[in-house]
Structures are given as structure tokens and as C-alpha cells.
């Protein structure tokens, strides 16, 4: 499993690339070139999810249904 600090570093580099308009990101041991900003945003969402899961702050989702007999 990837360490939290590595995930945070990956997130930071990806955010820098998105904000600067660059599609190529250099991580510690490899470079990744994304096809689009949308692909980068999807990768960023995945990284953020992994950070939340690793740090124990992942939110659980649920649905609440209310019924009435009026």
C-alpha cells in the first residue's frame, strides 16, 4: 500500500500540473502524461479518496428515506 506522505506528494504534484496547464506530471520515480485535464481530475479524485481511506477520514455515505401516510 502506498504511504500517506507519498499520496499527498502525488496529489500536490498533480494539482500543480492542473493549475499550470501541464498534462505531464513527474512523480518521484516516474513521469505520467495525461490525455486531458478531465483525466487528471479523475486521477486527483482517486488520490484524494485514497488519502481519506489511508488517513481514516473516509466518509461513509447513506440514504435516508421518509414516508408519510397522508
PDB file of N, CA and C in Angstrom:
ATOM      1  N   UNK A   1       0.834  -1.177   0.000  1.00  0.00           N
ATOM      2  CA  UNK A   1       0.000   0.000   0.000  1.00  0.00           C
ATOM      3  C   UNK A   1       0.882   1.244   0.000  1.00  0.00           C
ATOM      4  N   UNK A   2       0.465   2.251  -0.719  1.00  0.00           N
ATOM      5  CA  UNK A   2       1.218   3.498  -0.804  1.00  0.00           C
ATOM      6  C   UNK A   2       1.077   4.266   0.514  1.00  0.00           C
ATOM      7  N   UNK A   3       2.163   4.821   0.975  1.00  0.00           N
ATOM      8  CA  UNK A   3       2.173   5.586   2.221  1.00  0.00           C
ATOM      9  C   UNK A   3       1.431   6.914   2.047  1.00  0.00           C
ATOM     10  N   UNK A   4       0.884   7.414   3.137  1.00  0.00           N
ATOM     11  CA  UNK A   4       0.118   8.652   3.123  1.00  0.00           C
ATOM     12  C   UNK A   4       0.948   9.821   2.594  1.00  0.00           C
ATOM     13  N   UNK A   5       2.179   9.931   3.019  1.00  0.00           N
ATOM     14  CA  UNK A   5       3.021  11.047   2.570  1.00  0.00           C
ATOM     15  C   UNK A   5       3.263  11.006   1.066  1.00  0.00           C
ATOM     16  N   UNK A   6       3.399   9.803   0.512  1.00  0.00           N
ATOM     17  CA  UNK A   6       3.587   9.661  -0.931  1.00  0.00           C
ATOM     18  C   UNK A   6       2.316  10.058  -1.679  1.00  0.00           C
ATOM     19  N   UNK A   7       1.158   9.656  -1.154  1.00  0.00           N
ATOM     20  CA  UNK A   7      -0.112  10.038  -1.772  1.00  0.00           C
ATOM     21  C   UNK A   7      -0.283  11.562  -1.751  1.00  0.00           C
ATOM     22  N   UNK A   8       0.064  12.182  -0.630  1.00  0.00           N
ATOM     23  CA  UNK A   8      -0.057  13.635  -0.526  1.00  0.00           C
ATOM     24  C   UNK A   8       0.879  14.336  -1.499  1.00  0.00           C
ATOM     25  N   UNK A   9       2.060  13.801  -1.674  1.00  0.00           N
ATOM     26  CA  UNK A   9       3.016  14.360  -2.624  1.00  0.00           C
ATOM     27  C   UNK A   9       2.494  14.228  -4.059  1.00  0.00           C
ATOM     28  N   UNK A  10       1.930  13.068  -4.361  1.00  0.00           N
ATOM     29  CA  UNK A  10       1.351  12.850  -5.691  1.00  0.00           C
ATOM     30  C   UNK A  10       0.211  13.843  -5.940  1.00  0.00           C
ATOM     31  N   UNK A  11      -0.629  14.036  -4.928  1.00  0.00           N
ATOM     32  CA  UNK A  11      -1.745  14.986  -5.040  1.00  0.00           C
ATOM     33  C   UNK A  11      -1.231  16.392  -5.314  1.00  0.00           C
ATOM     34  N   UNK A  12      -0.206  16.793  -4.565  1.00  0.00           N
ATOM     35  CA  UNK A  12       0.337  18.137  -4.729  1.00  0.00           C
ATOM     36  C   UNK A  12       0.903  18.353  -6.129  1.00  0.00           C
ATOM     37  N   UNK A  13       1.648  17.379  -6.624  1.00  0.00           N
ATOM     38  CA  UNK A  13       2.225  17.491  -7.967  1.00  0.00           C
ATOM     39  C   UNK A  13       1.138  17.533  -9.041  1.00  0.00           C
ATOM     40  N   UNK A  14       0.115  16.721  -8.875  1.00  0.00           N
ATOM     41  CA  UNK A  14      -0.980  16.693  -9.838  1.00  0.00           C
ATOM     42  C   UNK A  14      -1.752  18.007  -9.824  1.00  0.00           C
ATOM     43  N   UNK A  15      -1.991  18.564  -8.643  1.00  0.00           N
ATOM     44  CA  UNK A  15      -2.671  19.856  -8.553  1.00  0.00           C
ATOM     45  C   UNK A  15      -1.851  20.962  -9.208  1.00  0.00           C
ATOM     46  N   UNK A  16      -0.541  20.956  -8.978  1.00  0.00           N
ATOM     47  CA  UNK A  16       0.330  21.950  -9.615  1.00  0.00           C
ATOM     48  C   UNK A  16       0.230  21.862 -11.139  1.00  0.00           C
ATOM     49  N   UNK A  17       0.238  20.648 -11.648  1.00  0.00           N
ATOM     50  CA  UNK A  17       0.158  20.459 -13.096  1.00  0.00           C
ATOM     51  C   UNK A  17      -1.182  20.949 -13.648  1.00  0.00           C
ATOM     52  N   UNK A  18      -2.270  20.630 -12.951  1.00  0.00           N
ATOM     53  CA  UNK A  18      -3.596  21.069 -13.397  1.00  0.00           C
ATOM     54  C   UNK A  18      -3.657  22.589 -13.425  1.00  0.00           C
ATOM     55  N   UNK A  19      -3.199  23.228 -12.367  1.00  0.00           N
ATOM     56  CA  UNK A  19      -3.268  24.687 -12.273  1.00  0.00           C
ATOM     57  C   UNK A  19      -2.354  25.381 -13.272  1.00  0.00           C
ATOM     58  N   UNK A  20      -1.266  24.730 -13.645  1.00  0.00           N
ATOM     59  CA  UNK A  20      -0.331  25.347 -14.585  1.00  0.00           C
ATOM     60  C   UNK A  20      -0.657  25.024 -16.042  1.00  0.00           C
ATOM     61  N   UNK A  21      -1.602  24.120 -16.258  1.00  0.00           N
ATOM     62  CA  UNK A  21      -1.976  23.763 -17.627  1.00  0.00           C
ATOM     63  C   UNK A  21      -1.088  22.710 -18.259  1.00  0.00           C
ATOM     64  N   UNK A  22      -0.315  22.027 -17.446  1.00  0.00           N
ATOM     65  CA  UNK A  22       0.586  20.981 -17.934  1.00  0.00           C
ATOM     66  C   UNK A  22      -0.081  19.622 -17.781  1.00  0.00           C
ATOM     67  N   UNK A  23       0.075  18.771 -18.789  1.00  0.00           N
ATOM     68  CA  UNK A  23      -0.512  17.431 -18.696  1.00  0.00           C
ATOM     69  C   UNK A  23       0.497  16.363 -18.306  1.00  0.00           C
ATOM     70  N   UNK A  24       1.746  16.744 -18.151  1.00  0.00           N
ATOM     71  CA  UNK A  24       2.798  15.797 -17.758  1.00  0.00           C
ATOM     72  C   UNK A  24       3.174  16.049 -16.300  1.00  0.00           C
ATOM     73  N   UNK A  25       3.164  14.968 -15.509  1.00  0.00           N
ATOM     74  CA  UNK A  25       3.457  15.070 -14.080  1.00  0.00           C
ATOM     75  C   UNK A  25       4.628  14.158 -13.751  1.00  0.00           C
ATOM     76  N   UNK A  26       5.610  14.699 -13.031  1.00  0.00           N
ATOM     77  CA  UNK A  26       6.765  13.922 -12.600  1.00  0.00           C
ATOM     78  C   UNK A  26       6.572  13.540 -11.139  1.00  0.00           C
ATOM     79  N   UNK A  27       6.419  12.259 -10.893  1.00  0.00           N
ATOM     80  CA  UNK A  27       6.372  11.758  -9.536  1.00  0.00           C
ATOM     81  C   UNK A  27       7.776  11.325  -9.167  1.00  0.00           C
ATOM     82  N   UNK A  28       7.990  10.830  -7.984  1.00  0.00           N
ATOM     83  CA  UNK A  28       9.342  10.521  -7.520  1.00  0.00           C
ATOM     84  C   UNK A  28      10.092   9.577  -8.444  1.00  0.00           C
ATOM     85  N   UNK A  29       9.441   8.527  -8.910  1.00  0.00           N
ATOM     86  CA  UNK A  29      10.147   7.520  -9.698  1.00  0.00           C
ATOM     87  C   UNK A  29       9.643   7.369 -11.126  1.00  0.00           C
ATOM     88  N   UNK A  30       8.693   8.205 -11.531  1.00  0.00           N
ATOM     89  CA  UNK A  30       8.155   8.060 -12.890  1.00  0.00           C
ATOM     90  C   UNK A  30       7.442   9.331 -13.318  1.00  0.00           C
ATOM     91  N   UNK A  31       7.257   9.436 -14.623  1.00  0.00           N
ATOM     92  CA  UNK A  31       6.505  10.559 -15.187  1.00  0.00           C
ATOM     93  C   UNK A  31       5.240  10.009 -15.831  1.00  0.00           C
ATOM     94  N   UNK A  32       4.167  10.769 -15.719  1.00  0.00           N
ATOM     95  CA  UNK A  32       2.888  10.367 -16.307  1.00  0.00           C
ATOM     96  C   UNK A  32       2.388  11.515 -17.166  1.00  0.00           C
ATOM     97  N   UNK A  33       1.975  11.202 -18.385  1.00  0.00           N
ATOM     98  CA  UNK A  33       1.365  12.213 -19.248  1.00  0.00           C
ATOM     99  C   UNK A  33      -0.108  11.843 -19.437  1.00  0.00           C
ATOM    100  N   UNK A  34      -0.977  12.750 -19.045  1.00  0.00           N
ATOM    101  CA  UNK A  34      -2.418  12.525 -19.120  1.00  0.00           C
ATOM    102  C   UNK A  34      -2.948  13.016 -20.454  1.00  0.00           C
ATOM    103  N   UNK A  35      -4.039  12.395 -20.922  1.00  0.00           N
ATOM    104  CA  UNK A  35      -4.642  12.777 -22.193  1.00  0.00           C
ATOM    105  C   UNK A  35      -5.427  14.079 -22.104  1.00  0.00           C
ATOM    106  N   UNK A  36      -5.984  14.357 -20.937  1.00  0.00           N
ATOM    107  CA  UNK A  36      -6.820  15.547 -20.788  1.00  0.00           C
ATOM    108  C   UNK A  36      -6.835  16.003 -19.332  1.00  0.00           C
ATOM    109  N   UNK A  37      -7.309  17.215 -19.135  1.00  0.00           N
ATOM    110  CA  UNK A  37      -7.468  17.732 -17.775  1.00  0.00           C
ATOM    111  C   UNK A  37      -8.526  16.918 -17.042  1.00  0.00           C
ATOM    112  N   UNK A  38      -9.521  16.453 -17.762  1.00  0.00           N
ATOM    113  CA  UNK A  38     -10.553  15.614 -17.134  1.00  0.00           C
ATOM    114  C   UNK A  38      -9.939  14.334 -16.563  1.00  0.00           C
ATOM    115  N   UNK A  39      -9.033  13.719 -17.304  1.00  0.00           N
ATOM    116  CA  UNK A  39      -8.333  12.532 -16.800  1.00  0.00           C
ATOM    117  C   UNK A  39      -7.524  12.869 -15.545  1.00  0.00           C
ATOM    118  N   UNK A  40      -6.943  14.049 -15.536  1.00  0.00           N
ATOM    119  CA  UNK A  40      -6.162  14.479 -14.376  1.00  0.00           C
ATOM    120  C   UNK A  40      -7.066  14.685 -13.165  1.00  0.00           C
ATOM    121  N   UNK A  41      -8.226  15.259 -13.396  1.00  0.00           N
ATOM    122  CA  UNK A  41      -9.168  15.472 -12.294  1.00  0.00           C
ATOM    123  C   UNK A  41      -9.685  14.149 -11.737  1.00  0.00           C
ATOM    124  N   UNK A  42      -9.895  13.181 -12.618  1.00  0.00           N
ATOM    125  CA  UNK A  42     -10.318  11.855 -12.157  1.00  0.00           C
ATOM    126  C   UNK A  42      -9.220  11.216 -11.314  1.00  0.00           C
ATOM    127  N   UNK A  43      -7.981  11.338 -11.760  1.00  0.00           N
ATOM    128  CA  UNK A  43      -6.852  10.794 -11.005  1.00  0.00           C
ATOM    129  C   UNK A  43      -6.732  11.503  -9.659  1.00  0.00           C
ATOM    130  N   UNK A  44      -6.948  12.818  -9.652  1.00  0.00           N
ATOM    131  CA  UNK A  44      -6.899  13.580  -8.412  1.00  0.00           C
ATOM    132  C   UNK A  44      -7.983  13.126  -7.441  1.00  0.00           C
ATOM    133  N   UNK A  45      -9.174  12.871  -7.953  1.00  0.00           N
ATOM    134  CA  UNK A  45     -10.261  12.369  -7.099  1.00  0.00           C
ATOM    135  C   UNK A  45      -9.902  11.006  -6.520  1.00  0.00           C
ATOM    136  N   UNK A  46      -9.289  10.149  -7.323  1.00  0.00           N
ATOM    137  CA  UNK A  46      -8.855   8.833  -6.838  1.00  0.00           C
ATOM    138  C   UNK A  46      -7.798   8.973  -5.745  1.00  0.00           C
ATOM    139  N   UNK A  47      -6.861   9.883  -5.949  1.00  0.00           N
ATOM    140  CA  UNK A  47      -5.812  10.099  -4.951  1.00  0.00           C
ATOM    141  C   UNK A  47      -6.416  10.642  -3.661  1.00  0.00           C
ATOM    142  N   UNK A  48      -7.326  11.608  -3.788  1.00  0.00           N
ATOM    143  CA  UNK A  48      -7.974  12.164  -2.593  1.00  0.00           C
ATOM    144  C   UNK A  48      -8.753  11.093  -1.836  1.00  0.00           C
ATOM    145  N   UNK A  49      -9.392  10.201  -2.568  1.00  0.00           N
ATOM    146  CA  UNK A  49     -10.122   9.098  -1.943  1.00  0.00           C
ATOM    147  C   UNK A  49      -9.159   8.169  -1.205  1.00  0.00           C
ATOM    148  N   UNK A  50      -8.039   7.873  -1.829  1.00  0.00           N
ATOM    149  CA  UNK A  50      -7.041   7.006  -1.200  1.00  0.00           C
ATOM    150  C   UNK A  50      -6.446   7.674   0.041  1.00  0.00           C
ATOM    151  N   UNK A  51      -6.252   8.991  -0.012  1.00  0.00           N
ATOM    152  CA  UNK A  51      -5.747   9.722   1.155  1.00  0.00           C
ATOM    153  C   UNK A  51      -6.744   9.629   2.300  1.00  0.00           C
ATOM    154  N   UNK A  52      -8.009   9.848   1.991  1.00  0.00           N
ATOM    155  CA  UNK A  52      -9.048   9.779   3.025  1.00  0.00           C
ATOM    156  C   UNK A  52      -9.116   8.385   3.636  1.00  0.00           C
ATOM    157  N   UNK A  53      -9.028   7.384   2.791  1.00  0.00           N
ATOM    158  CA  UNK A  53      -9.094   5.998   3.264  1.00  0.00           C
ATOM    159  C   UNK A  53      -7.877   5.654   4.130  1.00  0.00           C
ATOM    160  N   UNK A  54      -6.707   6.060   3.680  1.00  0.00           N
ATOM    161  CA  UNK A  54      -5.475   5.763   4.396  1.00  0.00           C
ATOM    162  C   UNK A  54      -5.407   6.493   5.732  1.00  0.00           C
ATOM    163  N   UNK A  55      -5.905   7.728   5.752  1.00  0.00           N
ATOM    164  CA  UNK A  55      -5.832   8.502   6.981  1.00  0.00           C
ATOM    165  C   UNK A  55      -7.011   8.255   7.910  1.00  0.00           C
ATOM    166  N   UNK A  56      -7.961   7.416   7.459  1.00  0.00           N
ATOM    167  CA  UNK A  56      -9.088   7.068   8.307  1.00  0.00           C
ATOM    168  C   UNK A  56     -10.174   8.117   8.345  1.00  0.00           C
ATOM    169  N   UNK A  57     -10.191   9.006   7.357  1.00  0.00           N
ATOM    170  CA  UNK A  57     -11.209  10.057   7.326  1.00  0.00           C
ATOM    171  C   UNK A  57     -12.204   9.860   6.195  1.00  0.00           C
ATOM    172  N   UNK A  58     -12.246   8.676   5.639  1.00  0.00           N
ATOM    173  CA  UNK A  58     -13.193   8.418   4.547  1.00  0.00           C
ATOM    174  C   UNK A  58     -14.611   8.523   5.084  1.00  0.00           C
ATOM    175  N   UNK A  59     -15.413   9.258   4.372  1.00  0.00           N
ATOM    176  CA  UNK A  59     -16.791   9.424   4.823  1.00  0.00           C
ATOM    177  C   UNK A  59     -17.649   8.289   4.288  1.00  0.00           C
ATOM    178  N   UNK A  60     -18.534   7.837   5.117  1.00  0.00           N
ATOM    179  CA  UNK A  60     -19.460   6.809   4.660  1.00  0.00           C
ATOM    180  C   UNK A  60     -20.697   7.501   4.115  1.00  0.00           C
ATOM    181  N   UNK A  61     -21.295   6.899   3.143  1.00  0.00           N
ATOM    182  CA  UNK A  61     -22.494   7.500   2.567  1.00  0.00           C
ATOM    183  C   UNK A  61     -23.701   6.650   2.927  1.00  0.00           C
ATOM    184  N   UNK A  62     -24.836   7.329   3.045  1.00  0.00           N
ATOM    185  CA  UNK A  62     -26.062   6.619   3.342  1.00  0.00           C
ATOM    186  C   UNK A  62     -27.219   7.415   2.773  1.00  0.00           C
ATOM    187  N   UNK A  63     -28.349   6.773   2.655  1.00  0.00           N
ATOM    188  CA  UNK A  63     -29.557   7.425   2.170  1.00  0.00           C
ATOM    189  C   UNK A  63     -30.612   7.382   3.256  1.00  0.00           C
ATOM    190  N   UNK A  64     -31.383   8.412   3.322  1.00  0.00           N
ATOM    191  CA  UNK A  64     -32.450   8.497   4.303  1.00  0.00           C
ATOM    192  C   UNK A  64     -33.757   8.670   3.539  1.00  0.00           C
ATOM    193  N   UNK A  65     -34.683   7.773   3.766  1.00  0.00           N
ATOM    194  CA  UNK A  65     -35.988   7.861   3.110  1.00  0.00           C
ATOM    195  C   UNK A  65     -37.038   8.128   4.151  1.00  0.00           C
ATOM    196  N   UNK A  66     -37.941   9.064   3.857  1.00  0.00           N
ATOM    197  CA  UNK A  66     -39.019   9.382   4.779  1.00  0.00           C
ATOM    198  C   UNK A  66     -40.339   9.077   4.068  1.00  0.00           C
ATOM    199  N   UNK A  67     -41.249   8.473   4.780  1.00  0.00           N
ATOM    200  CA  UNK A  67     -42.537   8.115   4.220  1.00  0.00           C
ATOM    201  C   UNK A  67     -43.644   8.701   5.089  1.00  0.00           C
ATOM    202  N   UNK A  68     -44.707   9.034   4.456  1.00  0.00           N
ATOM    203  CA  UNK A  68     -45.841   9.607   5.176  1.00  0.00           C
ATOM    204  C   UNK A  68     -47.115   8.940   4.695  1.00  0.00           C
ATOM    205  N   UNK A  69     -48.107   8.771   5.576  1.00  0.00           N
ATOM    206  CA  UNK A  69     -49.385   8.142   5.203  1.00  0.00           C
ATOM    207  C   UNK A  69     -50.499   9.184   5.158  1.00  0.00           C
ATOM    208  N   UNK A  70     -50.277  10.261   4.519  1.00  0.00           N
ATOM    209  CA  UNK A  70     -51.301  11.308   4.438  1.00  0.00           C
ATOM    210  C   UNK A  70     -52.303  11.059   3.371  1.00  0.00           C
TER     211      UNK A  70
END
